[in-house]
Each structure stands twice: as C-alpha cells, then as structure tokens.
N, C-alpha and C. Protein backbone atom coordinates (compact mmCIF):
# COMPACT_ATOMS: atom_id res chain seq x y z
N LEU A 1 7.21 10.11 -16.28
CA LEU A 1 5.80 9.85 -16.49
C LEU A 1 5.59 9.01 -17.74
N LYS A 2 4.64 8.15 -17.66
CA LYS A 2 4.27 7.35 -18.81
C LYS A 2 3.11 8.01 -19.52
N ALA A 3 2.91 7.64 -20.75
CA ALA A 3 1.81 8.20 -21.54
C ALA A 3 0.48 7.94 -20.83
N GLY A 4 -0.34 8.96 -20.77
CA GLY A 4 -1.65 8.82 -20.15
C GLY A 4 -1.69 9.13 -18.66
N GLN A 5 -0.51 9.31 -18.04
CA GLN A 5 -0.48 9.64 -16.61
C GLN A 5 -0.57 11.15 -16.43
N VAL A 6 -1.19 11.54 -15.34
CA VAL A 6 -1.36 12.95 -15.04
C VAL A 6 -0.42 13.31 -13.89
N CYS A 7 0.27 14.44 -14.04
CA CYS A 7 1.19 14.90 -13.01
C CYS A 7 0.57 16.10 -12.31
N GLU A 8 0.49 16.04 -11.02
CA GLU A 8 -0.06 17.14 -10.24
C GLU A 8 1.07 18.10 -9.88
N ILE A 9 0.91 19.36 -10.23
CA ILE A 9 1.90 20.37 -9.91
C ILE A 9 1.50 21.01 -8.58
N THR A 10 2.46 21.07 -7.66
CA THR A 10 2.20 21.59 -6.33
C THR A 10 3.24 22.64 -5.98
N CYS A 11 2.80 23.74 -5.38
CA CYS A 11 3.74 24.80 -5.00
C CYS A 11 4.53 24.37 -3.76
N LYS A 12 5.66 25.09 -3.52
CA LYS A 12 6.53 24.75 -2.40
C LYS A 12 5.82 24.85 -1.06
N SER A 13 4.98 25.86 -0.89
CA SER A 13 4.31 26.03 0.39
C SER A 13 3.31 24.90 0.64
N CYS A 14 2.66 24.42 -0.41
CA CYS A 14 1.72 23.30 -0.26
C CYS A 14 2.47 22.01 0.06
N VAL A 15 3.63 21.82 -0.57
CA VAL A 15 4.45 20.65 -0.29
C VAL A 15 4.92 20.70 1.16
N ALA A 16 5.37 21.86 1.61
CA ALA A 16 5.85 22.02 2.98
C ALA A 16 4.72 21.76 3.98
N LYS A 17 3.52 22.27 3.66
CA LYS A 17 2.37 22.05 4.54
C LYS A 17 2.05 20.56 4.63
N ARG A 18 2.09 19.87 3.50
CA ARG A 18 1.82 18.43 3.48
C ARG A 18 2.86 17.68 4.31
N GLU A 19 4.15 18.06 4.18
CA GLU A 19 5.20 17.42 4.97
C GLU A 19 4.96 17.64 6.47
N GLU A 20 4.60 18.86 6.83
CA GLU A 20 4.35 19.18 8.23
C GLU A 20 3.18 18.35 8.78
N GLU A 21 2.13 18.18 7.98
CA GLU A 21 0.99 17.36 8.40
C GLU A 21 1.41 15.92 8.60
N GLN A 22 2.26 15.39 7.71
CA GLN A 22 2.73 14.02 7.84
C GLN A 22 3.57 13.85 9.09
N ILE A 23 4.42 14.84 9.37
CA ILE A 23 5.25 14.78 10.57
C ILE A 23 4.39 14.81 11.82
N SER A 24 3.39 15.70 11.84
CA SER A 24 2.49 15.79 12.99
C SER A 24 1.74 14.47 13.20
N LYS A 25 1.31 13.88 12.10
CA LYS A 25 0.61 12.60 12.18
C LYS A 25 1.53 11.53 12.75
N SER A 26 2.80 11.52 12.32
CA SER A 26 3.77 10.55 12.85
C SER A 26 3.99 10.75 14.34
N LEU A 27 4.07 12.03 14.76
CA LEU A 27 4.26 12.31 16.18
C LEU A 27 3.08 11.82 17.01
N GLU A 28 1.88 12.00 16.51
CA GLU A 28 0.69 11.54 17.23
C GLU A 28 0.69 10.03 17.36
N GLN A 29 1.16 9.34 16.34
CA GLN A 29 1.16 7.88 16.36
C GLN A 29 2.24 7.32 17.27
N THR A 30 3.27 8.12 17.56
CA THR A 30 4.40 7.61 18.34
C THR A 30 4.47 8.25 19.71
N LYS A 31 3.35 8.45 20.35
CA LYS A 31 3.36 9.04 21.69
C LYS A 31 3.99 8.04 22.65
N VAL A 32 5.30 8.19 22.86
CA VAL A 32 6.07 7.26 23.67
C VAL A 32 6.75 8.00 24.81
N GLY A 33 6.24 9.13 25.21
CA GLY A 33 6.91 9.92 26.23
C GLY A 33 8.07 10.66 25.60
N ASP A 34 9.19 10.73 26.31
CA ASP A 34 10.34 11.47 25.78
C ASP A 34 11.22 10.61 24.89
N GLY A 35 10.95 9.31 24.83
CA GLY A 35 11.69 8.43 23.93
C GLY A 35 13.02 7.97 24.47
N SER A 36 13.41 8.40 25.66
CA SER A 36 14.70 8.00 26.18
C SER A 36 14.66 6.60 26.79
N ALA A 37 13.48 6.13 27.08
CA ALA A 37 13.34 4.77 27.60
C ALA A 37 13.52 3.78 26.47
N ASP A 38 13.80 2.54 26.82
CA ASP A 38 13.98 1.52 25.80
C ASP A 38 12.71 1.34 24.99
N SER A 39 12.89 1.20 23.69
CA SER A 39 11.74 0.92 22.82
C SER A 39 11.45 -0.56 22.89
N ALA A 40 10.44 -0.99 22.17
CA ALA A 40 10.03 -2.40 22.20
C ALA A 40 11.19 -3.30 21.79
N ASP A 41 12.00 -2.86 20.81
CA ASP A 41 13.12 -3.69 20.38
C ASP A 41 14.40 -3.38 21.16
N GLY A 42 14.34 -2.42 22.10
CA GLY A 42 15.49 -2.09 22.92
C GLY A 42 16.55 -1.27 22.21
N GLU A 43 16.26 -0.81 21.00
CA GLU A 43 17.24 -0.11 20.20
C GLU A 43 17.12 1.40 20.35
N LEU A 44 18.24 2.06 20.66
CA LEU A 44 18.28 3.51 20.75
C LEU A 44 19.14 4.05 19.61
N HIS A 45 18.77 5.22 19.10
CA HIS A 45 19.50 5.84 18.00
C HIS A 45 19.82 7.28 18.39
N GLU A 46 20.99 7.77 18.00
CA GLU A 46 21.36 9.14 18.30
C GLU A 46 20.88 10.06 17.18
N CYS A 47 20.21 11.12 17.57
CA CYS A 47 19.76 12.13 16.62
C CYS A 47 20.95 13.02 16.28
N ALA A 48 21.18 13.25 14.99
CA ALA A 48 22.32 14.06 14.55
C ALA A 48 22.13 15.53 14.91
N ALA A 49 20.90 15.98 15.09
CA ALA A 49 20.65 17.39 15.38
C ALA A 49 20.70 17.68 16.88
N CYS A 50 19.92 16.95 17.68
CA CYS A 50 19.85 17.25 19.12
C CYS A 50 20.79 16.39 19.95
N LYS A 51 21.41 15.41 19.33
CA LYS A 51 22.41 14.53 19.98
C LYS A 51 21.84 13.68 21.11
N LYS A 52 20.51 13.49 21.14
CA LYS A 52 19.90 12.65 22.17
C LYS A 52 19.81 11.22 21.67
N ASN A 53 19.94 10.26 22.58
CA ASN A 53 19.70 8.87 22.26
C ASN A 53 18.22 8.59 22.47
N LEU A 54 17.52 8.28 21.39
CA LEU A 54 16.07 8.13 21.43
C LEU A 54 15.65 6.78 20.88
N ALA A 55 14.45 6.38 21.27
CA ALA A 55 13.88 5.12 20.79
C ALA A 55 13.63 5.22 19.28
N ALA A 56 13.69 4.09 18.60
CA ALA A 56 13.48 4.05 17.16
C ALA A 56 12.11 4.58 16.76
N ALA A 57 11.13 4.48 17.67
CA ALA A 57 9.77 4.95 17.38
C ALA A 57 9.71 6.46 17.18
N LEU A 58 10.73 7.19 17.65
CA LEU A 58 10.73 8.64 17.52
C LEU A 58 11.48 9.11 16.27
N PHE A 59 11.80 8.18 15.39
CA PHE A 59 12.44 8.49 14.12
C PHE A 59 11.54 8.02 12.98
N ASN A 60 11.57 8.76 11.89
CA ASN A 60 10.88 8.33 10.68
C ASN A 60 11.63 7.11 10.14
N LYS A 61 10.91 6.17 9.58
CA LYS A 61 11.55 4.95 9.05
C LYS A 61 12.63 5.29 8.02
N ASN A 62 12.35 6.29 7.18
CA ASN A 62 13.33 6.67 6.16
C ASN A 62 14.60 7.24 6.78
N GLN A 63 14.48 7.97 7.87
CA GLN A 63 15.65 8.51 8.54
C GLN A 63 16.55 7.38 9.04
N LEU A 64 15.94 6.36 9.61
CA LEU A 64 16.73 5.23 10.13
C LEU A 64 17.31 4.38 9.01
N ARG A 65 16.51 4.12 8.01
CA ARG A 65 16.91 3.22 6.93
C ARG A 65 17.88 3.87 5.95
N ASN A 66 17.58 5.09 5.52
CA ASN A 66 18.35 5.71 4.44
C ASN A 66 19.49 6.60 4.92
N LYS A 67 19.30 7.29 6.02
CA LYS A 67 20.32 8.23 6.48
C LYS A 67 21.41 7.53 7.28
N GLY A 68 21.01 6.70 8.21
CA GLY A 68 21.98 5.97 9.00
C GLY A 68 22.61 6.79 10.11
N PRO A 69 23.44 6.17 10.93
CA PRO A 69 24.06 6.84 12.07
C PRO A 69 24.86 8.06 11.63
N GLY A 70 24.75 9.12 12.43
CA GLY A 70 25.47 10.34 12.14
C GLY A 70 24.70 11.32 11.28
N LYS A 71 23.66 10.86 10.58
CA LYS A 71 22.88 11.73 9.71
C LYS A 71 21.39 11.70 10.03
N GLN A 72 20.95 10.69 10.78
CA GLN A 72 19.52 10.56 11.07
C GLN A 72 19.07 11.58 12.11
N ARG A 73 17.86 12.13 11.89
CA ARG A 73 17.29 13.12 12.81
C ARG A 73 15.95 12.61 13.31
N CYS A 74 15.65 12.92 14.57
CA CYS A 74 14.37 12.51 15.15
C CYS A 74 13.23 13.33 14.52
N ILE A 75 12.02 12.89 14.71
CA ILE A 75 10.85 13.54 14.12
C ILE A 75 10.76 14.99 14.58
N GLU A 76 11.03 15.27 15.84
CA GLU A 76 10.96 16.64 16.36
C GLU A 76 11.96 17.55 15.66
N CYS A 77 13.18 17.07 15.45
CA CYS A 77 14.20 17.89 14.79
C CYS A 77 13.88 18.10 13.32
N VAL A 78 13.33 17.09 12.67
CA VAL A 78 12.91 17.23 11.28
C VAL A 78 11.80 18.27 11.19
N LYS A 79 10.85 18.20 12.12
CA LYS A 79 9.75 19.17 12.14
C LYS A 79 10.27 20.58 12.34
N SER A 80 11.22 20.75 13.24
CA SER A 80 11.82 22.07 13.49
C SER A 80 12.52 22.58 12.24
N ALA A 81 13.23 21.70 11.55
CA ALA A 81 13.95 22.10 10.33
C ALA A 81 12.97 22.51 9.23
N VAL A 82 11.86 21.78 9.09
CA VAL A 82 10.85 22.12 8.09
C VAL A 82 10.23 23.47 8.43
N ASN A 83 9.92 23.71 9.68
CA ASN A 83 9.35 24.99 10.10
C ASN A 83 10.32 26.15 9.84
N ALA A 84 11.60 25.93 10.12
CA ALA A 84 12.61 26.97 9.88
C ALA A 84 12.73 27.26 8.38
N GLU A 85 12.69 26.22 7.58
CA GLU A 85 12.77 26.39 6.13
C GLU A 85 11.55 27.15 5.61
N ASN A 86 10.37 26.82 6.13
CA ASN A 86 9.15 27.52 5.72
C ASN A 86 9.21 29.00 6.12
N ALA A 87 9.74 29.28 7.30
CA ALA A 87 9.87 30.67 7.74
C ALA A 87 10.84 31.43 6.85
N ALA A 88 11.95 30.78 6.47
CA ALA A 88 12.91 31.43 5.59
C ALA A 88 12.31 31.70 4.22
N LEU A 89 11.51 30.76 3.73
CA LEU A 89 10.84 30.96 2.44
C LEU A 89 9.85 32.11 2.51
N ALA A 90 9.14 32.22 3.62
CA ALA A 90 8.18 33.30 3.78
C ALA A 90 8.87 34.66 3.82
N VAL A 91 10.00 34.74 4.52
CA VAL A 91 10.76 35.99 4.59
C VAL A 91 11.28 36.36 3.21
N LYS A 92 11.80 35.37 2.50
CA LYS A 92 12.33 35.61 1.15
C LYS A 92 11.21 36.09 0.22
N LYS A 93 10.06 35.48 0.34
CA LYS A 93 8.92 35.86 -0.50
C LYS A 93 8.46 37.28 -0.18
N ASP A 94 8.48 37.66 1.10
CA ASP A 94 8.09 39.00 1.52
C ASP A 94 9.07 40.05 0.99
N GLU A 95 10.35 39.68 0.89
CA GLU A 95 11.36 40.61 0.40
C GLU A 95 11.19 40.89 -1.09
N GLU A 96 10.66 39.93 -1.82
CA GLU A 96 10.48 40.09 -3.27
C GLU A 96 9.31 40.89 -3.56
C-alpha cells in the first residue's frame, strides 16, 4: 500500500462468497450448453479435475492463461472446489 491508500479488510467467508458470486456470474455469461461442442475458436481444453474436454468459454481466463494444461479447471469444478472449501471452513468453525 502507498501512503494515503485505504485497505479494506474482509473475512474469509465474505471473500468466499464474493468468489462464488463471480463464478456464478461467469457461468451465466457462458451458457454454451455442455461445452463439449467446438467453441468459436475451435479450441478444446481438458479440465484437470473432471477430465472432460471442454470449450475455452467454460474456463476462467486465468485458469487457461496462468495454470496451463494439466492444472486448469473448468468453472464448474472451480465452483465445486470453492463450495467444498466453504463447507470445510464452516465445519471447522462449528468445532471451535
């Protein structure tokens, strides 16, 4: 942070909720059916989690650009992982 900038502190559950909203928004924008058909550019990518070959539109840009083959996950698998992590956090919080 630079002098004069304000940093917003956010709890983990709020961050997770924001991520989930962004993922849902991405899914709504990419209503392409099941994604197994060719995308506009004809490029298919394999999801590291579900092992399906899907259209690029069903992946977050960061997953394709930064993760690369073998590590990239489709939006649905990312959403499932976020939900599982949130559930684990809730269980852990309940135990405390």
